Every structure is written in structure tokens, then in C-alpha cells.
Amino acid sequence: MSLPPRTPPKFVPTLTEVVEVPVPSAVPIASAPPLDLVAFEEQLLHRVMQRLDALLEQRVQQALARVVEEQTRSVVPRLREELETVLGHALSEVLAQELAGAGPRRGE
């Protein structure tokens, strides 16, 4: 039960002739420059590490900036409260001294 060969649709390119490409004479291995794979790997590793270092530095700076900004936002209300308390106590103390006559006099 073999099926007859199918004819591809007209828009599908088909091979109509065999083209033989002349192969240049092979270069003997002895005259080819030696491949220094170790040096290539070291250069590749060096370039990758340089790019990684630059990218990591940028990403760490961005992450730290976000953390500092978030922490600053959370500290500001508490800092404001503390300053209001300290200034309120200092103002009360100075007013009490002034009213009691214990404060420094002007012109003295």
C-alpha cells in the first residue's frame, strides 16, 4: 500500500538541478595557526566579568537608592514627631524660666 508521490504546491521552491561547489584545497593542520583556547576563554571571561561588574554596580546603586528613599519616607513622620516634642519641651522650659524671672535679661 504505497502512496503515490505528492506534488508540492507551485509556490514551494523545489531543487531543479545539482550545483557542485569547488572546495578549496585543505590547509594542512601544521601550517594553520594554533588555536589558543585558554587565552580565548580568559579574554571572554574577562569581558563578561567587566560587563557583569558594571551592570551589578548600576543595579546595586538603584536598589540602595530605593531602600534609602523608602526608609526616609518612613522616618520623616517619626522624626517630625520627635522634633515637635523636643521643641515643645524646650519652649516650655524657656517660657517657664522667663516667667519666673530666671532668664537672662536684655542688655546685661
Protein backbone atom coordinates (compact mmCIF):
# COMPACT_ATOMS: atom_id res chain seq x y z
CA MET A 1 0.00 0.00 0.00
CA SER A 2 2.37 2.60 -1.12
CA LEU A 3 1.06 6.06 -1.77
CA PRO A 4 1.86 7.88 -4.99
CA PRO A 5 4.42 10.69 -4.59
CA ARG A 6 2.80 14.01 -3.77
CA THR A 7 3.48 17.01 -5.93
CA PRO A 8 4.27 20.09 -3.85
CA PRO A 9 2.22 23.23 -4.44
CA LYS A 10 3.51 25.62 -7.10
CA PHE A 11 4.63 28.26 -4.57
CA VAL A 12 7.01 25.89 -2.77
CA PRO A 13 10.55 26.17 -4.18
CA THR A 14 12.00 22.92 -5.42
CA LEU A 15 15.51 21.84 -6.33
CA THR A 16 15.77 21.55 -10.09
CA GLU A 17 19.50 20.98 -10.53
CA VAL A 18 22.52 19.96 -8.50
CA VAL A 19 25.24 22.58 -8.25
CA GLU A 20 28.68 21.42 -7.30
CA VAL A 21 30.81 23.97 -5.48
CA PRO A 22 34.54 23.56 -5.83
CA VAL A 23 36.18 23.03 -2.45
CA PRO A 24 39.44 24.92 -1.92
CA SER A 25 42.39 22.75 -1.17
CA ALA A 26 42.52 21.98 2.51
CA VAL A 27 45.11 23.83 4.55
CA PRO A 28 47.44 21.40 6.27
CA ILE A 29 46.96 21.41 10.02
CA ALA A 30 50.67 22.00 10.62
CA SER A 31 50.58 25.37 8.81
CA ALA A 32 47.34 26.58 10.44
CA PRO A 33 47.83 28.99 13.36
CA PRO A 34 47.38 27.20 16.70
CA LEU A 35 44.14 27.92 18.48
CA ASP A 36 44.80 29.20 21.96
CA LEU A 37 41.54 28.21 23.57
CA VAL A 38 42.77 29.02 27.07
CA ALA A 39 43.59 32.61 26.08
CA PHE A 40 40.27 32.93 24.28
CA GLU A 41 38.38 31.65 27.34
CA GLU A 42 40.30 34.04 29.61
CA GLN A 43 39.54 37.01 27.34
CA LEU A 44 35.90 36.04 27.12
CA LEU A 45 35.66 35.59 30.88
CA HIS A 46 37.37 38.96 31.43
CA ARG A 47 34.94 40.76 29.10
CA VAL A 48 31.93 39.05 30.69
CA MET A 49 33.15 39.92 34.20
CA GLN A 50 33.67 43.58 33.20
CA ARG A 51 30.14 43.83 31.86
CA LEU A 52 28.73 42.00 34.86
CA ASP A 53 30.62 44.28 37.25
CA ALA A 54 29.28 47.41 35.55
CA LEU A 55 25.73 46.06 35.48
CA LEU A 56 25.87 44.94 39.12
CA GLU A 57 27.19 48.33 40.21
CA GLN A 58 24.31 50.07 38.45
CA ARG A 59 21.70 47.67 39.86
CA VAL A 60 23.08 47.89 43.41
CA GLN A 61 23.02 51.70 43.24
CA GLN A 62 19.40 51.61 42.08
CA ALA A 63 18.41 49.14 44.80
CA LEU A 64 20.14 51.18 47.50
CA ALA A 65 18.51 54.38 46.27
CA ARG A 66 15.08 52.72 46.52
CA VAL A 67 15.78 51.39 50.03
CA VAL A 68 17.09 54.75 51.25
CA GLU A 69 14.08 56.55 49.79
CA GLU A 70 11.64 54.10 51.41
CA GLN A 71 13.40 54.34 54.77
CA THR A 72 13.49 58.13 54.58
CA ARG A 73 9.76 58.24 53.93
CA SER A 74 9.08 56.05 56.96
CA VAL A 75 11.46 58.01 59.24
CA VAL A 76 10.23 61.52 58.40
CA PRO A 77 6.93 61.33 60.35
CA ARG A 78 8.64 59.88 63.44
CA LEU A 79 11.43 62.44 63.20
CA ARG A 80 8.91 65.26 62.89
CA GLU A 81 7.07 63.97 65.99
CA GLU A 82 10.30 63.77 67.98
CA LEU A 83 11.34 67.28 66.92
CA GLU A 84 7.94 68.67 67.89
CA THR A 85 8.25 67.03 71.30
CA VAL A 86 11.81 68.28 71.90
CA LEU A 87 10.98 71.79 70.69
CA GLY A 88 7.80 71.83 72.76
CA HIS A 89 9.69 70.88 75.93
CA ALA A 90 12.45 73.40 75.20
CA LEU A 91 9.90 76.15 74.56
CA SER A 92 8.00 75.30 77.76
CA GLU A 93 11.22 75.37 79.77
CA VAL A 94 12.33 78.71 78.33
CA LEU A 95 8.88 80.26 78.88
CA ALA A 96 8.78 78.97 82.46
CA GLN A 97 12.23 80.45 83.15
CA GLU A 98 11.23 83.73 81.55
CA LEU A 99 8.01 83.96 83.55
CA ALA A 100 9.86 83.09 86.76
CA GLY A 101 12.35 85.86 86.07
CA ALA A 102 15.25 83.44 85.98
CA GLY A 103 16.10 84.07 82.36
CA PRO A 104 18.90 86.32 81.19
CA ARG A 105 17.99 89.99 80.96
CA ARG A 106 18.41 92.04 77.87
CA GLY A 107 21.31 94.42 77.82
CA GLU A 108 23.16 92.70 80.64
